[in-house]
Amino acid sequence: MLRHEVTVLRRQVTRPKPDWADRAALAALARLLPAALGAHRLVTPGTLQAWHRRLITRKWTYPNQPGRPRTSQEIRALVLRLAQENPA
């Protein structure tokens, strides 16, 4: 894990901005560390949880579409045909 952290740090002299592959590798390697060492790494357990929350939020959001969904042409044609055949 330390080697991967060093490669991420070497790529960027300023604040490190790991991409999704780096995050996945760091998250997988962090599970192998003892809990006592987890607090002293580049990626803290809180950071790992924040990454996971953002990933879940992005994956499980639904588009905010107001109103009723559109009906298909087949259903509209059926309703119109039934209305013409059975006047009230």
PDB file of N, CA and C in Angstrom:
ATOM      1  N   MET A   1       0.829  -1.174   0.000  1.00  0.00           N
ATOM      2  CA  MET A   1       0.000   0.000   0.000  1.00  0.00           C
ATOM      3  C   MET A   1       0.881   1.247   0.000  1.00  0.00           C
ATOM      4  N   LEU A   2       1.949   1.200   0.759  1.00  0.00           N
ATOM      5  CA  LEU A   2       2.841   2.352   0.827  1.00  0.00           C
ATOM      6  C   LEU A   2       3.449   2.664  -0.543  1.00  0.00           C
ATOM      7  N   ARG A   3       3.797   1.633  -1.296  1.00  0.00           N
ATOM      8  CA  ARG A   3       4.355   1.864  -2.637  1.00  0.00           C
ATOM      9  C   ARG A   3       3.353   2.560  -3.538  1.00  0.00           C
ATOM     10  N   HIS A   4       2.096   2.137  -3.468  1.00  0.00           N
ATOM     11  CA  HIS A   4       1.079   2.757  -4.312  1.00  0.00           C
ATOM     12  C   HIS A   4       0.846   4.206  -3.881  1.00  0.00           C
ATOM     13  N   GLU A   5       0.848   4.465  -2.585  1.00  0.00           N
ATOM     14  CA  GLU A   5       0.701   5.835  -2.114  1.00  0.00           C
ATOM     15  C   GLU A   5       1.849   6.713  -2.601  1.00  0.00           C
ATOM     16  N   VAL A   6       3.043   6.175  -2.585  1.00  0.00           N
ATOM     17  CA  VAL A   6       4.204   6.940  -3.045  1.00  0.00           C
ATOM     18  C   VAL A   6       4.100   7.238  -4.531  1.00  0.00           C
ATOM     19  N   THR A   7       3.637   6.279  -5.331  1.00  0.00           N
ATOM     20  CA  THR A   7       3.487   6.552  -6.773  1.00  0.00           C
ATOM     21  C   THR A   7       2.450   7.627  -7.027  1.00  0.00           C
ATOM     22  N   VAL A   8       1.369   7.623  -6.248  1.00  0.00           N
ATOM     23  CA  VAL A   8       0.350   8.665  -6.408  1.00  0.00           C
ATOM     24  C   VAL A   8       0.947  10.021  -6.036  1.00  0.00           C
ATOM     25  N   LEU A   9       1.693  10.074  -4.950  1.00  0.00           N
ATOM     26  CA  LEU A   9       2.299  11.332  -4.524  1.00  0.00           C
ATOM     27  C   LEU A   9       3.358  11.828  -5.490  1.00  0.00           C
ATOM     28  N   ARG A  10       4.095  10.937  -6.095  1.00  0.00           N
ATOM     29  CA  ARG A  10       5.141  11.351  -7.034  1.00  0.00           C
ATOM     30  C   ARG A  10       4.564  11.936  -8.309  1.00  0.00           C
ATOM     31  N   ARG A  11       3.392  11.483  -8.707  1.00  0.00           N
ATOM     32  CA  ARG A  11       2.785  11.997  -9.924  1.00  0.00           C
ATOM     33  C   ARG A  11       2.386  13.456  -9.781  1.00  0.00           C
ATOM     34  N   GLN A  12       2.037  13.858  -8.581  1.00  0.00           N
ATOM     35  CA  GLN A  12       1.575  15.223  -8.372  1.00  0.00           C
ATOM     36  C   GLN A  12       2.296  15.804  -7.165  1.00  0.00           C
ATOM     37  N   VAL A  13       2.997  16.871  -7.398  1.00  0.00           N
ATOM     38  CA  VAL A  13       3.753  17.487  -6.323  1.00  0.00           C
ATOM     39  C   VAL A  13       2.812  18.206  -5.365  1.00  0.00           C
ATOM     40  N   THR A  14       1.743  18.788  -5.886  1.00  0.00           N
ATOM     41  CA  THR A  14       0.776  19.478  -5.036  1.00  0.00           C
ATOM     42  C   THR A  14      -0.127  18.453  -4.362  1.00  0.00           C
ATOM     43  N   ARG A  15      -1.299  18.854  -4.003  1.00  0.00           N
ATOM     44  CA  ARG A  15      -2.240  17.959  -3.335  1.00  0.00           C
ATOM     45  C   ARG A  15      -2.586  16.796  -4.262  1.00  0.00           C
ATOM     46  N   PRO A  16      -2.471  15.566  -3.787  1.00  0.00           N
ATOM     47  CA  PRO A  16      -2.753  14.422  -4.670  1.00  0.00           C
ATOM     48  C   PRO A  16      -4.234  14.337  -5.025  1.00  0.00           C
ATOM     49  N   LYS A  17      -4.495  14.026  -6.284  1.00  0.00           N
ATOM     50  CA  LYS A  17      -5.862  13.853  -6.771  1.00  0.00           C
ATOM     51  C   LYS A  17      -5.952  12.479  -7.431  1.00  0.00           C
ATOM     52  N   PRO A  18      -6.179  11.441  -6.645  1.00  0.00           N
ATOM     53  CA  PRO A  18      -6.198  10.094  -7.226  1.00  0.00           C
ATOM     54  C   PRO A  18      -7.409   9.891  -8.135  1.00  0.00           C
ATOM     55  N   ASP A  19      -7.202   9.142  -9.213  1.00  0.00           N
ATOM     56  CA  ASP A  19      -8.318   8.822 -10.096  1.00  0.00           C
ATOM     57  C   ASP A  19      -9.041   7.594  -9.543  1.00  0.00           C
ATOM     58  N   TRP A  20     -10.027   7.112 -10.266  1.00  0.00           N
ATOM     59  CA  TRP A  20     -10.856   6.019  -9.727  1.00  0.00           C
ATOM     60  C   TRP A  20     -10.062   4.740  -9.544  1.00  0.00           C
ATOM     61  N   ALA A  21      -9.070   4.494 -10.401  1.00  0.00           N
ATOM     62  CA  ALA A  21      -8.262   3.285 -10.262  1.00  0.00           C
ATOM     63  C   ALA A  21      -7.385   3.356  -9.007  1.00  0.00           C
ATOM     64  N   ASP A  22      -6.846   4.536  -8.737  1.00  0.00           N
ATOM     65  CA  ASP A  22      -6.059   4.718  -7.514  1.00  0.00           C
ATOM     66  C   ASP A  22      -6.936   4.533  -6.283  1.00  0.00           C
ATOM     67  N   ARG A  23      -8.138   5.085  -6.335  1.00  0.00           N
ATOM     68  CA  ARG A  23      -9.047   4.951  -5.197  1.00  0.00           C
ATOM     69  C   ARG A  23      -9.416   3.497  -4.950  1.00  0.00           C
ATOM     70  N   ALA A  24      -9.652   2.763  -6.028  1.00  0.00           N
ATOM     71  CA  ALA A  24      -9.999   1.351  -5.874  1.00  0.00           C
ATOM     72  C   ALA A  24      -8.832   0.563  -5.285  1.00  0.00           C
ATOM     73  N   ALA A  25      -7.629   0.840  -5.758  1.00  0.00           N
ATOM     74  CA  ALA A  25      -6.461   0.126  -5.240  1.00  0.00           C
ATOM     75  C   ALA A  25      -6.213   0.479  -3.784  1.00  0.00           C
ATOM     76  N   LEU A  26      -6.312   1.764  -3.439  1.00  0.00           N
ATOM     77  CA  LEU A  26      -6.091   2.170  -2.055  1.00  0.00           C
ATOM     78  C   LEU A  26      -7.161   1.599  -1.128  1.00  0.00           C
ATOM     79  N   ALA A  27      -8.407   1.556  -1.593  1.00  0.00           N
ATOM     80  CA  ALA A  27      -9.474   0.996  -0.764  1.00  0.00           C
ATOM     81  C   ALA A  27      -9.273  -0.499  -0.550  1.00  0.00           C
ATOM     82  N   ALA A  28      -8.850  -1.194  -1.593  1.00  0.00           N
ATOM     83  CA  ALA A  28      -8.624  -2.635  -1.456  1.00  0.00           C
ATOM     84  C   ALA A  28      -7.440  -2.926  -0.549  1.00  0.00           C
ATOM     85  N   LEU A  29      -6.371  -2.148  -0.693  1.00  0.00           N
ATOM     86  CA  LEU A  29      -5.189  -2.375   0.126  1.00  0.00           C
ATOM     87  C   LEU A  29      -5.402  -1.945   1.577  1.00  0.00           C
ATOM     88  N   ALA A  30      -6.270  -0.967   1.798  1.00  0.00           N
ATOM     89  CA  ALA A  30      -6.528  -0.503   3.161  1.00  0.00           C
ATOM     90  C   ALA A  30      -7.204  -1.579   3.999  1.00  0.00           C
ATOM     91  N   ARG A  31      -7.931  -2.471   3.355  1.00  0.00           N
ATOM     92  CA  ARG A  31      -8.596  -3.550   4.101  1.00  0.00           C
ATOM     93  C   ARG A  31      -7.590  -4.541   4.664  1.00  0.00           C
ATOM     94  N   LEU A  32      -6.410  -4.603   4.053  1.00  0.00           N
ATOM     95  CA  LEU A  32      -5.397  -5.546   4.507  1.00  0.00           C
ATOM     96  C   LEU A  32      -4.586  -5.026   5.690  1.00  0.00           C
ATOM     97  N   LEU A  33      -4.660  -3.718   5.931  1.00  0.00           N
ATOM     98  CA  LEU A  33      -3.882  -3.132   7.015  1.00  0.00           C
ATOM     99  C   LEU A  33      -4.573  -3.347   8.364  1.00  0.00           C
ATOM    100  N   PRO A  34      -3.793  -3.461   9.419  1.00  0.00           N
ATOM    101  CA  PRO A  34      -4.408  -3.479  10.752  1.00  0.00           C
ATOM    102  C   PRO A  34      -5.092  -2.143  11.032  1.00  0.00           C
ATOM    103  N   ALA A  35      -6.095  -2.166  11.879  1.00  0.00           N
ATOM    104  CA  ALA A  35      -6.864  -0.948  12.161  1.00  0.00           C
ATOM    105  C   ALA A  35      -5.991   0.143  12.774  1.00  0.00           C
ATOM    106  N   ALA A  36      -4.988  -0.227  13.545  1.00  0.00           N
ATOM    107  CA  ALA A  36      -4.122   0.763  14.185  1.00  0.00           C
ATOM    108  C   ALA A  36      -3.324   1.560  13.148  1.00  0.00           C
ATOM    109  N   LEU A  37      -2.971   0.946  12.035  1.00  0.00           N
ATOM    110  CA  LEU A  37      -2.197   1.644  10.997  1.00  0.00           C
ATOM    111  C   LEU A  37      -3.081   2.424  10.035  1.00  0.00           C
ATOM    112  N   GLY A  38      -4.354   2.136  10.015  1.00  0.00           N
ATOM    113  CA  GLY A  38      -5.250   2.788   9.065  1.00  0.00           C
ATOM    114  C   GLY A  38      -5.381   4.280   9.269  1.00  0.00           C
ATOM    115  N   ALA A  39      -5.219   4.731  10.510  1.00  0.00           N
ATOM    116  CA  ALA A  39      -5.366   6.157  10.794  1.00  0.00           C
ATOM    117  C   ALA A  39      -4.158   6.960  10.357  1.00  0.00           C
ATOM    118  N   HIS A  40      -3.040   6.321  10.055  1.00  0.00           N
ATOM    119  CA  HIS A  40      -1.813   7.029   9.718  1.00  0.00           C
ATOM    120  C   HIS A  40      -1.464   6.945   8.240  1.00  0.00           C
ATOM    121  N   ARG A  41      -2.402   6.620   7.410  1.00  0.00           N
ATOM    122  CA  ARG A  41      -2.148   6.487   5.985  1.00  0.00           C
ATOM    123  C   ARG A  41      -2.552   7.756   5.255  1.00  0.00           C
ATOM    124  N   LEU A  42      -2.237   7.808   3.988  1.00  0.00           N
ATOM    125  CA  LEU A  42      -2.632   8.917   3.132  1.00  0.00           C
ATOM    126  C   LEU A  42      -4.156   8.994   3.025  1.00  0.00           C
ATOM    127  N   VAL A  43      -4.772   7.839   2.993  1.00  0.00           N
ATOM    128  CA  VAL A  43      -6.218   7.763   2.878  1.00  0.00           C
ATOM    129  C   VAL A  43      -6.757   7.239   4.202  1.00  0.00           C
ATOM    130  N   THR A  44      -7.485   8.080   4.910  1.00  0.00           N
ATOM    131  CA  THR A  44      -8.036   7.686   6.201  1.00  0.00           C
ATOM    132  C   THR A  44      -9.321   6.890   5.997  1.00  0.00           C
ATOM    133  N   PRO A  45      -9.774   6.188   7.017  1.00  0.00           N
ATOM    134  CA  PRO A  45     -11.041   5.464   6.885  1.00  0.00           C
ATOM    135  C   PRO A  45     -12.213   6.386   6.555  1.00  0.00           C
ATOM    136  N   GLY A  46     -12.190   7.601   7.077  1.00  0.00           N
ATOM    137  CA  GLY A  46     -13.259   8.556   6.742  1.00  0.00           C
ATOM    138  C   GLY A  46     -13.260   8.919   5.268  1.00  0.00           C
ATOM    139  N   THR A  47     -12.061   9.038   4.680  1.00  0.00           N
ATOM    140  CA  THR A  47     -11.967   9.335   3.253  1.00  0.00           C
ATOM    141  C   THR A  47     -12.503   8.176   2.427  1.00  0.00           C
ATOM    142  N   LEU A  48     -12.176   6.960   2.826  1.00  0.00           N
ATOM    143  CA  LEU A  48     -12.696   5.786   2.113  1.00  0.00           C
ATOM    144  C   LEU A  48     -14.218   5.741   2.169  1.00  0.00           C
ATOM    145  N   GLN A  49     -14.781   6.056   3.321  1.00  0.00           N
ATOM    146  CA  GLN A  49     -16.238   6.067   3.441  1.00  0.00           C
ATOM    147  C   GLN A  49     -16.858   7.170   2.595  1.00  0.00           C
ATOM    148  N   ALA A  50     -16.209   8.319   2.538  1.00  0.00           N
ATOM    149  CA  ALA A  50     -16.725   9.411   1.701  1.00  0.00           C
ATOM    150  C   ALA A  50     -16.705   9.026   0.232  1.00  0.00           C
ATOM    151  N   TRP A  51     -15.625   8.361  -0.223  1.00  0.00           N
ATOM    152  CA  TRP A  51     -15.575   7.886  -1.611  1.00  0.00           C
ATOM    153  C   TRP A  51     -16.717   6.928  -1.881  1.00  0.00           C
ATOM    154  N   HIS A  52     -16.965   6.035  -0.952  1.00  0.00           N
ATOM    155  CA  HIS A  52     -18.027   5.036  -1.132  1.00  0.00           C
ATOM    156  C   HIS A  52     -19.392   5.714  -1.166  1.00  0.00           C
ATOM    157  N   ARG A  53     -19.614   6.677  -0.285  1.00  0.00           N
ATOM    158  CA  ARG A  53     -20.903   7.392  -0.282  1.00  0.00           C
ATOM    159  C   ARG A  53     -21.124   8.109  -1.606  1.00  0.00           C
ATOM    160  N   ARG A  54     -20.073   8.770  -2.130  1.00  0.00           N
ATOM    161  CA  ARG A  54     -20.218   9.468  -3.409  1.00  0.00           C
ATOM    162  C   ARG A  54     -20.497   8.502  -4.552  1.00  0.00           C
ATOM    163  N   LEU A  55     -19.825   7.349  -4.522  1.00  0.00           N
ATOM    164  CA  LEU A  55     -20.042   6.345  -5.563  1.00  0.00           C
ATOM    165  C   LEU A  55     -21.483   5.846  -5.535  1.00  0.00           C
ATOM    166  N   ILE A  56     -21.992   5.543  -4.354  1.00  0.00           N
ATOM    167  CA  ILE A  56     -23.363   5.058  -4.218  1.00  0.00           C
ATOM    168  C   ILE A  56     -24.356   6.140  -4.612  1.00  0.00           C
ATOM    169  N   THR A  57     -24.082   7.382  -4.224  1.00  0.00           N
ATOM    170  CA  THR A  57     -24.988   8.480  -4.571  1.00  0.00           C
ATOM    171  C   THR A  57     -25.071   8.664  -6.081  1.00  0.00           C
ATOM    172  N   ARG A  58     -23.909   8.573  -6.753  1.00  0.00           N
ATOM    173  CA  ARG A  58     -23.913   8.721  -8.213  1.00  0.00           C
ATOM    174  C   ARG A  58     -24.632   7.583  -8.901  1.00  0.00           C
ATOM    175  N   LYS A  59     -24.463   6.363  -8.371  1.00  0.00           N
ATOM    176  CA  LYS A  59     -25.047   5.198  -9.032  1.00  0.00           C
ATOM    177  C   LYS A  59     -26.552   5.104  -8.815  1.00  0.00           C
ATOM    178  N   TRP A  60     -27.039   5.465  -7.635  1.00  0.00           N
ATOM    179  CA  TRP A  60     -28.436   5.218  -7.289  1.00  0.00           C
ATOM    180  C   TRP A  60     -29.303   6.460  -7.284  1.00  0.00           C
ATOM    181  N   THR A  61     -28.949   7.468  -8.030  1.00  0.00           N
ATOM    182  CA  THR A  61     -29.835   8.615  -8.136  1.00  0.00           C
ATOM    183  C   THR A  61     -30.740   8.429  -9.351  1.00  0.00           C
ATOM    184  N   TYR A  62     -31.935   8.874  -9.212  1.00  0.00           N
ATOM    185  CA  TYR A  62     -32.899   8.781 -10.298  1.00  0.00           C
ATOM    186  C   TYR A  62     -33.104  10.169 -10.881  1.00  0.00           C
ATOM    187  N   PRO A  63     -33.339  10.255 -12.173  1.00  0.00           N
ATOM    188  CA  PRO A  63     -33.547  11.585 -12.756  1.00  0.00           C
ATOM    189  C   PRO A  63     -34.811  12.209 -12.189  1.00  0.00           C
ATOM    190  N   ASN A  64     -34.746  13.477 -11.934  1.00  0.00           N
ATOM    191  CA  ASN A  64     -35.880  14.191 -11.368  1.00  0.00           C
ATOM    192  C   ASN A  64     -36.772  14.661 -12.503  1.00  0.00           C
ATOM    193  N   GLN A  65     -37.716  13.834 -12.867  1.00  0.00           N
ATOM    194  CA  GLN A  65     -38.618  14.155 -13.966  1.00  0.00           C
ATOM    195  C   GLN A  65     -40.007  14.414 -13.395  1.00  0.00           C
ATOM    196  N   PRO A  66     -40.419  15.677 -13.388  1.00  0.00           N
ATOM    197  CA  PRO A  66     -41.739  15.974 -12.847  1.00  0.00           C
ATOM    198  C   PRO A  66     -42.837  15.481 -13.776  1.00  0.00           C
ATOM    199  N   GLY A  67     -43.966  15.210 -13.188  1.00  0.00           N
ATOM    200  CA  GLY A  67     -45.123  14.816 -13.987  1.00  0.00           C
ATOM    201  C   GLY A  67     -45.211  13.322 -14.218  1.00  0.00           C
ATOM    202  N   ARG A  68     -46.222  12.978 -14.929  1.00  0.00           N
ATOM    203  CA  ARG A  68     -46.518  11.585 -15.205  1.00  0.00           C
ATOM    204  C   ARG A  68     -45.697  11.105 -16.404  1.00  0.00           C
ATOM    205  N   PRO A  69     -45.230   9.851 -16.379  1.00  0.00           N
ATOM    206  CA  PRO A  69     -44.482   9.363 -17.541  1.00  0.00           C
ATOM    207  C   PRO A  69     -45.380   9.218 -18.763  1.00  0.00           C
ATOM    208  N   ARG A  70     -44.793   9.343 -19.934  1.00  0.00           N
ATOM    209  CA  ARG A  70     -45.561   9.248 -21.179  1.00  0.00           C
ATOM    210  C   ARG A  70     -46.043   7.823 -21.400  1.00  0.00           C
ATOM    211  N   THR A  71     -47.224   7.708 -22.001  1.00  0.00           N
ATOM    212  CA  THR A  71     -47.746   6.384 -22.361  1.00  0.00           C
ATOM    213  C   THR A  71     -47.345   6.079 -23.802  1.00  0.00           C
ATOM    214  N   SER A  72     -47.268   4.813 -24.097  1.00  0.00           N
ATOM    215  CA  SER A  72     -46.836   4.419 -25.440  1.00  0.00           C
ATOM    216  C   SER A  72     -47.969   4.655 -26.452  1.00  0.00           C
ATOM    217  N   GLN A  73     -47.602   4.642 -27.721  1.00  0.00           N
ATOM    218  CA  GLN A  73     -48.588   4.840 -28.801  1.00  0.00           C
ATOM    219  C   GLN A  73     -49.630   3.733 -28.796  1.00  0.00           C
ATOM    220  N   GLU A  74     -49.189   2.512 -28.478  1.00  0.00           N
ATOM    221  CA  GLU A  74     -50.128   1.377 -28.478  1.00  0.00           C
ATOM    222  C   GLU A  74     -51.216   1.563 -27.433  1.00  0.00           C
ATOM    223  N   ILE A  75     -50.842   2.012 -26.254  1.00  0.00           N
ATOM    224  CA  ILE A  75     -51.838   2.206 -25.187  1.00  0.00           C
ATOM    225  C   ILE A  75     -52.775   3.348 -25.531  1.00  0.00           C
ATOM    226  N   ARG A  76     -52.223   4.434 -26.082  1.00  0.00           N
ATOM    227  CA  ARG A  76     -53.090   5.545 -26.486  1.00  0.00           C
ATOM    228  C   ARG A  76     -54.084   5.120 -27.550  1.00  0.00           C
ATOM    229  N   ALA A  77     -53.630   4.354 -28.532  1.00  0.00           N
ATOM    230  CA  ALA A  77     -54.533   3.887 -29.584  1.00  0.00           C
ATOM    231  C   ALA A  77     -55.613   2.977 -29.010  1.00  0.00           C
ATOM    232  N   LEU A  78     -55.251   2.123 -28.067  1.00  0.00           N
ATOM    233  CA  LEU A  78     -56.222   1.225 -27.441  1.00  0.00           C
ATOM    234  C   LEU A  78     -57.265   2.011 -26.663  1.00  0.00           C
ATOM    235  N   VAL A  79     -56.851   3.009 -25.911  1.00  0.00           N
ATOM    236  CA  VAL A  79     -57.793   3.813 -25.123  1.00  0.00           C
ATOM    237  C   VAL A  79     -58.746   4.559 -26.051  1.00  0.00           C
ATOM    238  N   LEU A  80     -58.228   5.126 -27.119  1.00  0.00           N
ATOM    239  CA  LEU A  80     -59.076   5.864 -28.051  1.00  0.00           C
ATOM    240  C   LEU A  80     -60.069   4.922 -28.751  1.00  0.00           C
ATOM    241  N   ARG A  81     -59.586   3.727 -29.100  1.00  0.00           N
ATOM    242  CA  ARG A  81     -60.487   2.764 -29.757  1.00  0.00           C
ATOM    243  C   ARG A  81     -61.594   2.324 -28.799  1.00  0.00           C
ATOM    244  N   LEU A  82     -61.248   2.054 -27.551  1.00  0.00           N
ATOM    245  CA  LEU A  82     -62.249   1.665 -26.557  1.00  0.00           C
ATOM    246  C   LEU A  82     -63.234   2.777 -26.279  1.00  0.00           C
ATOM    247  N   ALA A  83     -62.743   4.013 -26.268  1.00  0.00           N
ATOM    248  CA  ALA A  83     -63.646   5.153 -26.044  1.00  0.00           C
ATOM    249  C   ALA A  83     -64.620   5.318 -27.187  1.00  0.00           C
ATOM    250  N   GLN A  84     -64.188   5.040 -28.416  1.00  0.00           N
ATOM    251  CA  GLN A  84     -65.093   5.170 -29.562  1.00  0.00           C
ATOM    252  C   GLN A  84     -66.101   4.020 -29.594  1.00  0.00           C
ATOM    253  N   GLU A  85     -65.661   2.838 -29.195  1.00  0.00           N
ATOM    254  CA  GLU A  85     -66.565   1.675 -29.224  1.00  0.00           C
ATOM    255  C   GLU A  85     -67.584   1.709 -28.096  1.00  0.00           C
ATOM    256  N   ASN A  86     -67.257   2.317 -26.973  1.00  0.00           N
ATOM    257  CA  ASN A  86     -68.126   2.338 -25.801  1.00  0.00           C
ATOM    258  C   ASN A  86     -68.396   3.763 -25.348  1.00  0.00           C
ATOM    259  N   PRO A  87     -69.240   4.477 -26.072  1.00  0.00           N
ATOM    260  CA  PRO A  87     -69.530   5.859 -25.635  1.00  0.00           C
ATOM    261  C   PRO A  87     -70.310   5.832 -24.321  1.00  0.00           C
ATOM    262  N   ALA A  88     -70.106   6.834 -23.506  1.00  0.00           N
ATOM    263  CA  ALA A  88     -70.750   6.874 -22.196  1.00  0.00           C
ATOM    264  C   ALA A  88     -72.165   7.287 -22.227  1.00  0.00           C
TER     265      ALA A  88
END
